[in-house]
Protein backbone atom coordinates (compact mmCIF):
# COMPACT_ATOMS: atom_id res chain seq x y z
CA UNK A 1 136.44 112.92 120.01
CA UNK A 2 139.71 113.18 120.76
CA UNK A 3 141.99 110.04 121.79
CA UNK A 4 143.59 110.13 125.63
CA UNK A 5 146.38 108.06 126.89
CA UNK A 6 145.43 105.12 128.57
CA UNK A 7 145.32 106.14 132.75
CA UNK A 8 148.07 104.71 134.34
CA UNK A 9 148.09 102.40 137.27
CA UNK A 10 150.63 102.00 140.21
CA UNK A 11 150.76 98.57 141.66
CA UNK A 12 150.65 97.67 145.08
CA UNK A 13 153.27 95.33 146.51
CA UNK A 14 151.93 91.42 147.71
CA UNK A 15 149.84 91.51 150.24
CA UNK A 16 148.34 88.48 152.38
CA UNK A 17 144.58 87.94 152.35
CA UNK A 18 142.19 85.08 153.85
CA UNK A 19 145.27 83.16 154.09
CA UNK A 20 147.11 83.43 151.04
CA UNK A 21 149.54 85.51 149.48
CA UNK A 22 148.02 87.68 146.52
CA UNK A 23 150.31 89.02 144.37
CA UNK A 24 149.63 92.26 142.17
CA UNK A 25 150.46 91.26 137.96
CA UNK A 26 153.96 92.30 136.42
CA UNK A 27 153.63 94.91 133.86
CA UNK A 28 155.88 94.13 130.81
CA UNK A 29 158.11 96.59 129.33
CA UNK A 30 155.81 98.92 126.92
CA UNK A 31 158.76 98.78 124.18
CA UNK A 32 158.12 95.10 123.92
CA UNK A 33 154.64 95.46 122.72
CA UNK A 34 153.52 96.85 119.03
CA UNK A 35 152.10 100.21 118.88
CA UNK A 36 148.66 101.59 119.38
CA UNK A 37 147.19 102.70 116.43
CA UNK A 38 143.83 104.55 117.11
CA UNK A 39 142.86 104.97 113.72
CA UNK A 40 143.32 101.63 112.82
CA UNK A 41 140.95 99.54 110.41
CA UNK A 42 139.93 96.32 112.09
CA UNK A 43 142.12 93.05 111.24
CA UNK A 44 141.23 91.67 108.04
CA UNK A 45 138.20 88.71 108.67
CA UNK A 46 136.95 85.47 107.04
CA UNK A 47 135.14 82.56 108.20
CA UNK A 48 136.83 79.59 109.66
CA UNK A 49 135.44 76.13 110.03
CA UNK A 50 136.90 74.22 112.70
CA UNK A 51 134.79 70.89 115.07
CA UNK A 52 132.09 71.62 113.02
CA UNK A 53 131.28 74.97 114.16
CA UNK A 54 131.72 77.94 111.39
CA UNK A 55 132.99 81.24 113.02
CA UNK A 56 133.61 84.85 111.67
CA UNK A 57 137.14 85.87 113.01
CA UNK A 58 139.54 88.54 112.45
CA UNK A 59 143.04 87.57 112.69
CA UNK A 60 146.10 89.39 114.03
CA UNK A 61 149.41 88.51 112.15
CA UNK A 62 152.23 87.95 115.16
CA UNK A 63 155.55 89.21 114.64
CA UNK A 64 157.11 85.46 114.15
CA UNK A 65 155.27 82.61 113.20
CA UNK A 66 157.10 80.52 116.31
CA UNK A 67 154.86 82.24 118.68
CA UNK A 68 151.62 80.96 120.58
CA UNK A 69 148.18 82.03 119.48
CA UNK A 70 145.62 83.94 121.43
CA UNK A 71 142.03 83.68 120.87
CA UNK A 72 139.92 86.75 121.75
CA UNK A 73 136.39 86.58 122.98
CA UNK A 74 133.81 89.99 122.64
CA UNK A 75 131.44 90.43 125.10
CA UNK A 76 127.13 90.39 124.63
CA UNK A 77 127.22 93.22 122.49
CA UNK A 78 130.05 93.06 121.60
CA UNK A 79 132.53 91.41 118.32
CA UNK A 80 135.12 90.48 117.01
CA UNK A 81 136.34 94.51 116.74
CA UNK A 82 136.51 95.10 120.26
CA UNK A 83 140.09 93.46 120.14
CA UNK A 84 141.63 95.95 117.51
CA UNK A 85 143.95 97.69 119.82
CA UNK A 86 144.84 94.91 121.86
CA UNK A 87 145.52 92.53 119.54
CA UNK A 88 147.90 94.83 117.50
CA UNK A 89 149.77 95.49 120.47
CA UNK A 90 150.43 91.83 121.80
CA UNK A 91 150.96 91.03 118.32
CA UNK A 92 155.02 91.02 119.40
CA UNK A 93 154.02 88.30 121.71
CA UNK A 94 150.97 85.81 119.69
CA UNK A 95 149.18 85.72 116.55
CA UNK A 96 145.92 86.90 117.39
CA UNK A 97 141.90 85.07 116.41
CA UNK A 98 139.00 87.86 117.52
CA UNK A 99 136.29 85.55 117.11
CA UNK A 100 132.65 86.77 116.61
CA UNK A 101 130.23 83.98 119.14
CA UNK A 102 127.35 82.35 117.09
CA UNK A 103 124.73 84.54 116.41
CA UNK A 104 127.20 87.55 117.04
CA UNK A 105 129.15 90.12 114.86
CA UNK A 106 129.07 88.12 111.27
CA UNK A 107 128.81 84.78 112.40
CA UNK A 108 126.00 82.95 111.54
CA UNK A 109 123.72 80.89 114.38
CA UNK A 110 124.72 77.13 114.85
CA UNK A 111 122.57 74.96 113.68
CA UNK A 112 120.43 74.50 117.26
CA UNK A 113 120.25 78.44 117.31
CA UNK A 114 120.92 78.13 120.89
CA UNK A 115 122.66 81.73 122.74
CA UNK A 116 122.57 80.32 126.26
CA UNK A 117 126.64 80.83 127.13
CA UNK A 118 126.67 76.77 128.02
CA UNK A 119 125.45 76.62 124.42
CA UNK A 120 128.53 79.49 123.29
CA UNK A 121 131.21 77.45 125.47
CA UNK A 122 130.42 74.00 123.78
CA UNK A 123 130.64 75.69 120.37
CA UNK A 124 133.83 77.58 121.37
CA UNK A 125 135.08 74.40 123.20
CA UNK A 126 134.78 72.14 119.57
CA UNK A 127 135.71 74.88 117.58
CA UNK A 128 138.65 75.28 119.61
CA UNK A 129 139.59 71.26 119.63
CA UNK A 130 138.93 71.29 116.22
CA UNK A 131 142.09 73.64 116.02
CA UNK A 132 143.84 72.28 118.96
CA UNK A 133 146.61 69.54 116.38
CA UNK A 134 147.49 72.44 114.26
CA UNK A 135 147.79 75.27 116.39
CA UNK A 136 148.11 73.62 120.05
CA UNK A 137 146.71 75.03 123.76
CA UNK A 138 146.20 78.62 123.03
CA UNK A 139 146.12 81.91 125.80
CA UNK A 140 142.80 82.79 126.12
CA UNK A 141 141.35 86.28 126.17
CA UNK A 142 137.56 87.19 127.43
CA UNK A 143 135.46 90.11 128.17
CA UNK A 144 132.36 90.25 129.95
CA UNK A 145 129.97 87.60 128.40
CA UNK A 146 132.92 86.07 126.64
CA UNK A 147 134.89 86.45 129.82
CA UNK A 148 132.61 83.78 131.21
CA UNK A 149 132.49 81.61 128.43
CA UNK A 150 136.47 81.72 128.34
CA UNK A 151 136.49 80.16 132.41
CA UNK A 152 133.93 77.94 131.11
CA UNK A 153 136.20 76.55 128.48
CA UNK A 154 139.09 76.12 131.05
CA UNK A 155 137.29 74.91 133.20
CA UNK A 156 136.27 72.06 131.39
CA UNK A 157 139.37 71.38 129.22
CA UNK A 158 142.33 72.86 130.43
CA UNK A 159 144.35 71.17 128.51
CA UNK A 160 143.03 73.61 125.16
CA UNK A 161 144.57 77.03 127.38
CA UNK A 162 147.76 77.77 127.82
CA UNK A 163 146.39 81.21 129.88
CA UNK A 164 143.26 82.69 130.73
CA UNK A 165 142.38 86.67 130.99
CA UNK A 166 139.07 87.60 132.52
CA UNK A 167 138.21 91.16 131.60
CA UNK A 168 135.33 92.33 133.14
CA UNK A 169 133.64 88.71 133.19
CA UNK A 170 130.67 88.50 133.79
CA UNK A 171 130.30 86.95 137.08
CA UNK A 172 126.93 87.30 138.77
CA UNK A 173 125.59 90.98 139.70
CA UNK A 174 122.16 90.69 140.47
CA UNK A 175 121.58 94.46 141.37
CA UNK A 176 118.29 95.76 140.20
CA UNK A 177 119.59 98.98 138.85
CA UNK A 178 118.76 100.37 135.08
CA UNK A 179 121.83 102.89 135.04
CA UNK A 180 123.22 99.02 134.14
CA UNK A 181 121.30 99.66 130.76
CA UNK A 182 122.33 102.02 128.19
CA UNK A 183 119.17 103.41 128.63
CA UNK A 184 116.75 103.42 131.41
CA UNK A 185 113.77 103.26 129.26
CA UNK A 186 114.89 99.95 128.21
CA UNK A 187 113.95 98.54 131.62
CA UNK A 188 110.15 99.87 130.86
CA UNK A 189 110.40 98.64 127.16
CA UNK A 190 110.63 95.09 128.61
CA UNK A 191 107.11 95.24 130.40
CA UNK A 192 104.24 93.85 128.49
CA UNK A 193 101.75 96.73 127.08
CA UNK A 194 103.24 100.00 129.25
CA UNK A 195 106.33 98.93 127.44
CA UNK A 196 104.94 99.90 124.11
CA UNK A 197 105.46 103.75 123.98
CA UNK A 198 109.23 103.38 125.52
CA UNK A 199 110.17 100.77 122.41
CA UNK A 200 108.72 103.05 119.81
CA UNK A 201 110.96 106.43 121.40
CA UNK A 202 113.84 103.81 121.69
CA UNK A 203 113.40 102.62 117.76
CA UNK A 204 112.97 106.11 116.75
CA UNK A 205 116.65 106.87 117.46
CA UNK A 206 119.32 107.26 115.25
CA UNK A 207 121.85 104.81 115.49
CA UNK A 208 124.67 107.29 116.40
CA UNK A 209 122.81 108.38 119.34
CA UNK A 210 122.30 104.78 120.60
CA UNK A 211 125.96 104.01 120.05
CA UNK A 212 126.83 106.96 121.86
CA UNK A 213 124.65 105.88 124.85
CA UNK A 214 126.57 102.42 124.08
CA UNK A 215 129.92 104.13 124.49
CA UNK A 216 128.96 106.02 127.41
CA UNK A 217 128.00 102.94 129.62
CA UNK A 218 130.74 100.42 128.99
CA UNK A 219 133.97 103.28 129.04
CA UNK A 220 134.27 105.39 132.23
CA UNK A 221 135.70 108.54 129.56
CA UNK A 222 134.10 107.98 126.82
CA UNK A 223 136.33 110.52 125.01
CA UNK A 224 139.22 107.90 125.15
CA UNK A 225 137.56 106.11 122.14
CA UNK A 226 138.59 107.29 118.71
CA UNK A 227 136.32 108.73 116.34
CA UNK A 228 137.11 105.67 114.40
CA UNK A 229 135.67 103.29 117.06
CA UNK A 230 132.53 105.04 117.22
CA UNK A 231 132.12 105.35 113.80
CA UNK A 232 132.74 101.35 113.63
CA UNK A 233 130.14 100.86 116.03
CA UNK A 234 127.46 102.72 114.46
CA UNK A 235 128.07 100.45 110.95
CA UNK A 236 128.25 97.34 112.86
CA UNK A 237 124.21 98.59 114.94
CA UNK A 238 123.33 99.05 111.59
CA UNK A 239 124.65 95.58 109.97
CA UNK A 240 122.92 93.88 113.13
CA UNK A 241 119.57 95.50 112.20
CA UNK A 242 119.57 93.76 108.59
CA UNK A 243 120.51 90.15 110.27
CA UNK A 244 116.95 88.04 111.11
CA UNK A 245 119.02 86.31 113.89
CA UNK A 246 120.08 89.29 115.84
CA UNK A 247 117.90 90.06 118.17
CA UNK A 248 117.17 86.41 118.85
CA UNK A 249 120.79 86.13 119.96
CA UNK A 250 121.20 88.96 121.96
CA UNK A 251 117.84 87.89 123.58
CA UNK A 252 118.68 84.29 124.07
CA UNK A 253 121.99 85.35 125.56
CA UNK A 254 120.50 87.98 127.94
CA UNK A 255 118.09 85.34 129.29
CA UNK A 256 121.11 82.55 129.36
CA UNK A 257 122.93 84.61 131.62
CA UNK A 258 120.44 85.81 134.25
CA UNK A 259 119.28 82.48 134.44
CA UNK A 260 122.93 81.62 135.37
CA UNK A 261 123.38 84.50 138.07
CA UNK A 262 120.13 83.09 139.49
CA UNK A 263 122.11 79.96 140.59
CA UNK A 264 125.72 79.22 141.93
CA UNK A 265 127.28 77.40 139.22
CA UNK A 266 129.14 80.05 137.71
CA UNK A 267 131.14 80.22 140.90
CA UNK A 268 132.06 76.46 141.47
CA UNK A 269 132.92 76.86 137.46
CA UNK A 270 135.62 79.81 138.96
CA UNK A 271 136.44 77.22 141.56
CA UNK A 272 137.56 74.54 139.13
CA UNK A 273 138.93 76.88 136.74
CA UNK A 274 142.85 75.91 137.32
CA UNK A 275 144.46 77.47 134.23
CA UNK A 276 146.71 80.76 135.41
CA UNK A 277 144.27 83.39 134.90
CA UNK A 278 144.78 87.24 135.11
CA UNK A 279 141.56 89.31 135.95
CA UNK A 280 141.61 92.92 134.53
CA UNK A 281 138.54 94.96 136.04
CA UNK A 282 137.77 98.94 135.52
CA UNK A 283 137.20 99.80 139.20
CA UNK A 284 134.21 102.61 137.68
CA UNK A 285 132.54 99.31 135.53
CA UNK A 286 128.64 100.38 135.47
CA UNK A 287 127.74 96.92 134.03
CA UNK A 288 129.44 94.35 136.33
CA UNK A 289 130.25 96.07 139.50
CA UNK A 290 134.34 95.88 140.51
CA UNK A 291 133.14 94.71 143.80
CA UNK A 292 132.98 91.12 142.47
CA UNK A 293 136.80 91.22 141.21
CA UNK A 294 138.65 90.13 144.23
CA UNK A 295 136.28 87.49 145.15
CA UNK A 296 137.01 86.56 141.40
CA UNK A 297 140.32 86.54 141.33
CA UNK A 298 140.67 84.67 145.19
CA UNK A 299 138.31 81.69 143.75
CA UNK A 300 140.19 80.81 140.84
CA UNK A 301 142.59 78.40 142.15
CA UNK A 302 145.57 80.77 140.43
CA UNK A 303 144.35 84.00 139.64
CA UNK A 304 146.07 87.41 140.09
CA UNK A 305 144.01 90.93 140.34
CA UNK A 306 144.71 94.18 138.08
CA UNK A 307 141.43 96.73 138.95
CA UNK A 308 142.45 99.71 137.29
CA UNK A 309 140.95 103.53 138.32
CA UNK A 310 138.91 105.43 136.22
CA UNK A 311 138.22 102.56 133.94
CA UNK A 312 135.01 101.10 132.79
CA UNK A 313 133.80 98.00 131.16
CA UNK A 314 135.79 97.26 128.24
CA UNK A 315 139.50 97.99 129.95
CA UNK A 316 141.00 96.73 126.68
CA UNK A 317 139.21 99.23 124.45
CA UNK A 318 139.58 101.97 127.12
CA UNK A 319 142.92 101.14 128.20
CA UNK A 320 144.79 99.05 125.49
CA UNK A 321 148.40 100.14 126.45
CA UNK A 322 148.28 99.41 130.13
CA UNK A 323 146.23 95.77 129.91
CA UNK A 324 148.71 95.11 126.83
CA UNK A 325 151.42 95.21 129.21
CA UNK A 326 149.57 93.06 131.85
CA UNK A 327 148.60 90.09 130.04
CA UNK A 328 152.43 90.12 128.18
CA UNK A 329 153.72 90.83 131.97
CA UNK A 330 151.72 87.56 132.88
CA UNK A 331 152.39 85.64 130.20
CA UNK A 332 156.63 86.14 130.38
CA UNK A 333 156.05 85.23 134.86
CA UNK A 334 153.81 82.00 133.38
CA UNK A 335 156.77 81.10 131.11
CA UNK A 336 159.56 81.57 133.91
CA UNK A 337 157.47 79.93 136.64
CA UNK A 338 156.82 82.75 138.49
CA UNK A 339 153.46 83.67 138.39
CA UNK A 340 151.98 81.06 140.67
CA UNK A 341 149.73 82.63 143.69
CA UNK A 342 151.01 80.60 146.12
CA UNK A 343 154.54 81.36 145.42
CA UNK A 344 154.58 77.19 145.40
């Protein structure tokens, strides 16, 4: 694959909707950010224990020790390597810590072996609280399921969170559409008895074919990914197949997420999340529809929205430079008192 430049976005002027001033977020100047290095290897990893929770993390050093910390939280099928590019670009503004949630990436499960989003939220909360005295409140950035977990953390303990960025967060999307899966046969594979042949066919496929399907599902244009990122995805998939808890974690988190979507708790949590929040959504997101983007940003008490045309579910990977400029611009506006949606 070749690396294409991040799609550009033209920001609309401030507008008023439902009685609220709803301005587009600012973008920081690209020259104030780090360099995009598509062939760079993932940042170094190690296991860090805090608050009684052990998680494997990948750490991106900041340009200065005086800078705050940013914690990155991956989605359901992701890991800490999903943030290599964005963390590098933002290293001029914050040190980066990309976590593998318990049971995902290289993190072992917690003793409870619970993977419901509420349990993963508890684990991240304990971990952040255990580091607060040393690191202070953090910028929290989450994608998909990680966005939902980050929002839960901010709603429950805003003192731990300096700011929140949600990239295509897993808000309730109840569309029964098999095209939201990397392979429509996955829906048939879930059917008892009838799904046996589909399961056998899926298991017979090479890891590369499965990885390419995931890339095609998550990116609006898979050509924007580098060959290195594809190889990393293949290697991670092969490693996950050797871990005894991998399937259990993915299944448990999926069932828990669908259970949450059946109720109204996700929207009520968003309404209680009072920290400054940037919502970033790819307009061509096939997994969680971008039709939920505006409602999400408006439900958040201090949210702003950036919708990226021609971008899919993992904007931080498909359009890292654009996302980095938006995140850095949001941090600047928040620090300078120019963020509040109401203008107050």
